[in-house]
Amino acid sequence: MNKRYRIKKSSEIDAIFKVKKVKSDSCFAVYQSEDANGVNFRFALSIGKKYGNAVSRNLAKRRIRMIVSEVKNQFSQNKLFVIVIKPQSHDLSYKEIKDKLLVLFEKSKLMENING
C-alpha cells in the first residue's frame, strides 16, 4: 500500500479520536473524520500490546493493510480513519477479518459503492 494513504502524525490521529465518530464491534473499531482538502482517503492502524507479541501484531497489521488495499477504489476521497484492532480479533482468520471490516466500513459510510 502506498504511503500517501497512511496517517503517521500523532496529532492527526488524536484529532480523529477527538471527533468521536466511531463504529465498532467486538473485534474492531473505526474512528473517522473528514479531510477538507484531501485528495485521497488516509488511514492509520492502532493495536495494543494486549493483542500479543510483536510478530502477531505485525501480522494483524499486514492483513488489514492488505484488506484496505484490495478495496481502496471504493473509499470516499476525503475520509480519514483509524482502525483500532482489539485483542478479541486475535483468533480470526483472514476471511473473517475481511468480512467484519467490510461490514464496519459499510456501517460507517466510508465506502462510496459496495459491490461485494
C-alpha atoms as a PDB file:
ATOM      1  CA  MET A   1       0.000   0.000   0.000  1.00  0.00           C
ATOM      2  CA  ASN A   2       1.303   3.393  -0.997  1.00  0.00           C
ATOM      3  CA  LYS A   3       2.417   5.616   1.883  1.00  0.00           C
ATOM      4  CA  ARG A   4       0.269   8.522   0.690  1.00  0.00           C
ATOM      5  CA  TYR A   5      -2.697   6.600   2.130  1.00  0.00           C
ATOM      6  CA  ARG A   6      -1.253   6.422   5.654  1.00  0.00           C
ATOM      7  CA  ILE A   7      -1.582   8.784   8.591  1.00  0.00           C
ATOM      8  CA  LYS A   8       1.651   8.962  10.580  1.00  0.00           C
ATOM      9  CA  LYS A   9       1.433  12.102  12.716  1.00  0.00           C
ATOM     10  CA  SER A  10       0.087  11.507  16.200  1.00  0.00           C
ATOM     11  CA  SER A  11      -1.542  14.947  16.145  1.00  0.00           C
ATOM     12  CA  GLU A  12      -3.670  13.902  13.150  1.00  0.00           C
ATOM     13  CA  ILE A  13      -4.614  10.627  14.833  1.00  0.00           C
ATOM     14  CA  ASP A  14      -5.556  12.444  18.039  1.00  0.00           C
ATOM     15  CA  ALA A  15      -7.727  14.850  16.032  1.00  0.00           C
ATOM     16  CA  ILE A  16      -9.627  11.897  14.548  1.00  0.00           C
ATOM     17  CA  PHE A  17     -10.167  10.415  18.022  1.00  0.00           C
ATOM     18  CA  LYS A  18     -11.474  13.803  19.264  1.00  0.00           C
ATOM     19  CA  VAL A  19     -14.259  13.851  16.661  1.00  0.00           C
ATOM     20  CA  LYS A  20     -15.640  10.672  18.323  1.00  0.00           C
ATOM     21  CA  LYS A  21     -17.414   9.463  15.206  1.00  0.00           C
ATOM     22  CA  VAL A  22     -16.976   5.732  15.728  1.00  0.00           C
ATOM     23  CA  LYS A  23     -18.497   2.439  14.662  1.00  0.00           C
ATOM     24  CA  SER A  24     -17.343  -0.713  16.405  1.00  0.00           C
ATOM     25  CA  ASP A  25     -17.955  -4.376  17.042  1.00  0.00           C
ATOM     26  CA  SER A  26     -16.296  -6.883  19.358  1.00  0.00           C
ATOM     27  CA  CYS A  27     -13.097  -7.078  17.294  1.00  0.00           C
ATOM     28  CA  PHE A  28     -12.546  -3.690  15.643  1.00  0.00           C
ATOM     29  CA  ALA A  29     -13.414  -0.010  15.976  1.00  0.00           C
ATOM     30  CA  VAL A  30     -13.317   2.513  13.140  1.00  0.00           C
ATOM     31  CA  TYR A  31     -12.924   6.196  14.069  1.00  0.00           C
ATOM     32  CA  GLN A  32     -13.399   8.625  11.205  1.00  0.00           C
ATOM     33  CA  SER A  33     -13.387  12.278  10.249  1.00  0.00           C
ATOM     34  CA  GLU A  34     -13.436  14.436   7.137  1.00  0.00           C
ATOM     35  CA  ASP A  35     -10.403  15.899   5.399  1.00  0.00           C
ATOM     36  CA  ALA A  36     -11.422  19.184   3.788  1.00  0.00           C
ATOM     37  CA  ASN A  37      -8.502  19.427   1.367  1.00  0.00           C
ATOM     38  CA  GLY A  38      -7.769  15.721   0.989  1.00  0.00           C
ATOM     39  CA  VAL A  39      -7.250  14.150  -2.405  1.00  0.00           C
ATOM     40  CA  ASN A  40      -7.169  10.557  -1.144  1.00  0.00           C
ATOM     41  CA  PHE A  41      -8.543   8.723   1.836  1.00  0.00           C
ATOM     42  CA  ARG A  42      -5.955   8.140   4.546  1.00  0.00           C
ATOM     43  CA  PHE A  43      -5.899   5.687   7.431  1.00  0.00           C
ATOM     44  CA  ALA A  44      -3.925   4.540  10.444  1.00  0.00           C
ATOM     45  CA  LEU A  45      -3.891   1.351  12.488  1.00  0.00           C
ATOM     46  CA  SER A  46      -3.850   1.098  16.260  1.00  0.00           C
ATOM     47  CA  ILE A  47      -3.121  -2.128  18.091  1.00  0.00           C
ATOM     48  CA  GLY A  48      -2.266  -2.613  21.753  1.00  0.00           C
ATOM     49  CA  LYS A  49       0.238  -4.877  23.438  1.00  0.00           C
ATOM     50  CA  LYS A  50      -2.573  -6.975  24.910  1.00  0.00           C
ATOM     51  CA  TYR A  51      -3.128  -8.381  21.405  1.00  0.00           C
ATOM     52  CA  GLY A  52       0.032 -10.489  21.572  1.00  0.00           C
ATOM     53  CA  ASN A  53       3.716 -10.373  20.785  1.00  0.00           C
ATOM     54  CA  ALA A  54       5.252  -8.196  18.070  1.00  0.00           C
ATOM     55  CA  VAL A  55       5.058 -10.935  15.451  1.00  0.00           C
ATOM     56  CA  SER A  56       1.301 -11.406  15.856  1.00  0.00           C
ATOM     57  CA  ARG A  57       0.670  -7.635  15.980  1.00  0.00           C
ATOM     58  CA  ASN A  58       2.617  -7.117  12.757  1.00  0.00           C
ATOM     59  CA  LEU A  59       0.742  -9.981  11.077  1.00  0.00           C
ATOM     60  CA  ALA A  60      -2.588  -8.389  12.006  1.00  0.00           C
ATOM     61  CA  LYS A  61      -1.460  -5.005  10.663  1.00  0.00           C
ATOM     62  CA  ARG A  62      -0.226  -6.558   7.385  1.00  0.00           C
ATOM     63  CA  ARG A  63      -3.529  -8.369   6.929  1.00  0.00           C
ATOM     64  CA  ILE A  64      -5.588  -5.233   7.496  1.00  0.00           C
ATOM     65  CA  ARG A  65      -3.386  -3.149   5.196  1.00  0.00           C
ATOM     66  CA  MET A  66      -3.931  -5.797   2.517  1.00  0.00           C
ATOM     67  CA  ILE A  67      -7.707  -5.698   3.013  1.00  0.00           C
ATOM     68  CA  VAL A  68      -7.733  -1.899   2.736  1.00  0.00           C
ATOM     69  CA  SER A  69      -5.602  -2.023  -0.417  1.00  0.00           C
ATOM     70  CA  GLU A  70      -7.977  -4.547  -2.008  1.00  0.00           C
ATOM     71  CA  VAL A  71     -10.973  -2.239  -1.587  1.00  0.00           C
ATOM     72  CA  LYS A  72      -9.218   1.133  -1.846  1.00  0.00           C
ATOM     73  CA  ASN A  73     -11.066   2.124  -5.027  1.00  0.00           C
ATOM     74  CA  GLN A  74     -14.376   2.049  -3.148  1.00  0.00           C
ATOM     75  CA  PHE A  75     -13.420   4.500  -0.368  1.00  0.00           C
ATOM     76  CA  SER A  76     -14.650   8.093  -0.361  1.00  0.00           C
ATOM     77  CA  GLN A  77     -11.913  10.506  -1.359  1.00  0.00           C
ATOM     78  CA  ASN A  78     -11.791  12.882   1.603  1.00  0.00           C
ATOM     79  CA  LYS A  79     -12.051  10.474   4.553  1.00  0.00           C
ATOM     80  CA  LEU A  80      -9.587   9.996   7.388  1.00  0.00           C
ATOM     81  CA  PHE A  81      -9.986   6.941   9.587  1.00  0.00           C
ATOM     82  CA  VAL A  82      -8.236   4.928  12.277  1.00  0.00           C
ATOM     83  CA  ILE A  83      -8.831   1.198  12.651  1.00  0.00           C
ATOM     84  CA  VAL A  84      -8.419   0.044  16.256  1.00  0.00           C
ATOM     85  CA  ILE A  85      -7.660  -3.665  16.480  1.00  0.00           C
ATOM     86  CA  LYS A  86      -8.989  -5.251  19.673  1.00  0.00           C
ATOM     87  CA  PRO A  87      -7.461  -8.351  21.333  1.00  0.00           C
ATOM     88  CA  GLN A  88     -10.631 -10.374  20.645  1.00  0.00           C
ATOM     89  CA  SER A  89      -9.721 -10.455  16.949  1.00  0.00           C
ATOM     90  CA  HIS A  90      -6.573 -12.488  17.594  1.00  0.00           C
ATOM     91  CA  ASP A  91      -8.095 -15.848  16.629  1.00  0.00           C
ATOM     92  CA  LEU A  92      -9.897 -14.712  13.471  1.00  0.00           C
ATOM     93  CA  SER A  93      -8.933 -15.927  10.011  1.00  0.00           C
ATOM     94  CA  TYR A  94      -8.186 -13.552   7.138  1.00  0.00           C
ATOM     95  CA  LYS A  95     -11.655 -14.051   5.629  1.00  0.00           C
ATOM     96  CA  GLU A  96     -13.380 -13.368   8.968  1.00  0.00           C
ATOM     97  CA  ILE A  97     -11.312 -10.202   9.461  1.00  0.00           C
ATOM     98  CA  LYS A  98     -12.182  -9.015   5.967  1.00  0.00           C
ATOM     99  CA  ASP A  99     -15.908  -9.699   6.437  1.00  0.00           C
ATOM    100  CA  LYS A 100     -16.018  -7.856   9.781  1.00  0.00           C
ATOM    101  CA  LEU A 101     -14.099  -4.851   8.440  1.00  0.00           C
ATOM    102  CA  LEU A 102     -16.251  -4.559   5.310  1.00  0.00           C
ATOM    103  CA  VAL A 103     -19.370  -4.531   7.481  1.00  0.00           C
ATOM    104  CA  LEU A 104     -17.852  -1.776   9.642  1.00  0.00           C
ATOM    105  CA  PHE A 105     -16.829   0.240   6.572  1.00  0.00           C
ATOM    106  CA  GLU A 106     -20.378  -0.057   5.259  1.00  0.00           C
ATOM    107  CA  LYS A 107     -21.900   0.974   8.608  1.00  0.00           C
ATOM    108  CA  SER A 108     -19.627   3.992   8.882  1.00  0.00           C
ATOM    109  CA  LYS A 109     -20.314   5.013   5.260  1.00  0.00           C
ATOM    110  CA  LEU A 110     -16.623   5.120   4.367  1.00  0.00           C
ATOM    111  CA  MET A 111     -17.233   3.437   1.034  1.00  0.00           C
ATOM    112  CA  GLU A 112     -18.989   5.043  -1.906  1.00  0.00           C
ATOM    113  CA  ASN A 113     -20.130   1.894  -3.704  1.00  0.00           C
ATOM    114  CA  ILE A 114     -20.054  -1.612  -2.287  1.00  0.00           C
ATOM    115  CA  ASN A 115     -20.176  -4.340  -4.874  1.00  0.00           C
ATOM    116  CA  GLY A 116     -19.032  -7.245  -2.740  1.00  0.00           C
END
